[in-house]
Protein backbone atom coordinates (compact mmCIF):
# COMPACT_ATOMS: atom_id res chain seq x y z
CA UNK A 1 -11.74 -43.12 67.70
CA UNK A 2 -11.74 -42.13 70.83
CA UNK A 3 -9.57 -39.08 71.79
CA UNK A 4 -6.94 -40.55 73.15
CA UNK A 5 -6.48 -42.62 69.74
CA UNK A 6 -6.48 -39.36 67.67
CA UNK A 7 -3.81 -38.50 69.13
CA UNK A 8 -1.44 -41.51 69.16
CA UNK A 9 0.35 -41.59 65.66
CA UNK A 10 0.84 -45.13 64.52
CA UNK A 11 4.83 -45.54 63.04
CA UNK A 12 7.19 -48.66 61.54
CA UNK A 13 10.65 -49.13 62.80
CA UNK A 14 12.93 -51.23 60.69
CA UNK A 15 15.67 -51.92 63.06
CA UNK A 16 18.88 -54.21 62.38
CA UNK A 17 18.45 -57.74 64.68
CA UNK A 18 21.16 -56.61 67.17
CA UNK A 19 19.78 -53.46 68.02
CA UNK A 20 16.01 -54.65 68.53
CA UNK A 21 17.53 -57.48 70.98
CA UNK A 22 18.84 -55.10 72.83
CA UNK A 23 15.65 -52.87 73.14
CA UNK A 24 14.14 -56.42 73.74
CA UNK A 25 16.74 -56.50 76.87
CA UNK A 26 16.20 -52.78 77.95
CA UNK A 27 12.33 -53.56 78.15
CA UNK A 28 12.53 -56.92 80.13
CA UNK A 29 15.16 -55.43 82.85
CA UNK A 30 12.77 -52.67 83.38
CA UNK A 31 9.88 -54.14 83.30
CA UNK A 32 8.69 -52.09 80.28
CA UNK A 33 6.90 -52.55 77.11
CA UNK A 34 9.84 -52.26 73.88
CA UNK A 35 7.02 -49.68 72.93
CA UNK A 36 7.86 -47.97 76.29
CA UNK A 37 11.26 -48.30 76.07
CA UNK A 38 11.03 -46.99 72.33
CA UNK A 39 9.17 -43.68 73.05
CA UNK A 40 10.80 -42.83 75.95
CA UNK A 41 14.16 -42.86 73.83
CA UNK A 42 13.16 -40.81 71.54
CA UNK A 43 11.62 -38.22 73.69
CA UNK A 44 14.52 -38.08 75.40
CA UNK A 45 16.25 -37.74 71.61
CA UNK A 46 14.10 -35.03 70.51
CA UNK A 47 14.56 -32.86 73.50
CA UNK A 48 18.69 -33.47 73.32
CA UNK A 49 18.34 -31.65 70.20
CA UNK A 50 15.72 -29.01 71.61
CA UNK A 51 18.87 -28.06 73.86
CA UNK A 52 21.48 -28.35 70.92
CA UNK A 53 22.39 -25.16 69.95
CA UNK A 54 23.76 -26.41 66.66
CA UNK A 55 20.64 -27.97 65.87
CA UNK A 56 18.68 -24.92 66.86
CA UNK A 57 20.99 -23.30 64.11
CA UNK A 58 19.99 -25.55 61.67
CA UNK A 59 16.25 -25.41 62.77
CA UNK A 60 16.33 -21.54 62.22
CA UNK A 61 17.81 -21.49 58.89
CA UNK A 62 15.44 -23.88 57.56
CA UNK A 63 12.47 -21.93 58.90
CA UNK A 64 13.78 -19.58 56.82
CA UNK A 65 14.49 -21.13 53.47
CA UNK A 66 10.89 -22.49 54.31
CA UNK A 67 9.56 -19.35 54.81
CA UNK A 68 10.60 -17.96 51.63
CA UNK A 69 9.50 -20.85 49.82
CA UNK A 70 6.32 -20.50 50.91
CA UNK A 71 6.07 -16.92 50.49
CA UNK A 72 6.55 -18.10 46.56
CA UNK A 73 4.15 -19.86 46.19
CA UNK A 74 1.51 -17.57 48.45
CA UNK A 75 -1.14 -16.15 46.04
CA UNK A 76 -0.12 -12.42 46.13
């Protein structure tokens, strides 16, 4: 396995037909692959969340909760 292959995570998405058709249309109009359109949309969504104060608050709460759970499971 090459380094590039190791850096990629394959995923299966189940989309309703209408959404899949719209993504295909966008890809065709932009001259891109469906994979590129979906990858770009996901990356944009992640970046949007990273800048969202409400999401950041929820993330901090989740990290605190999980930190406490990990401490309970740790040896010692």
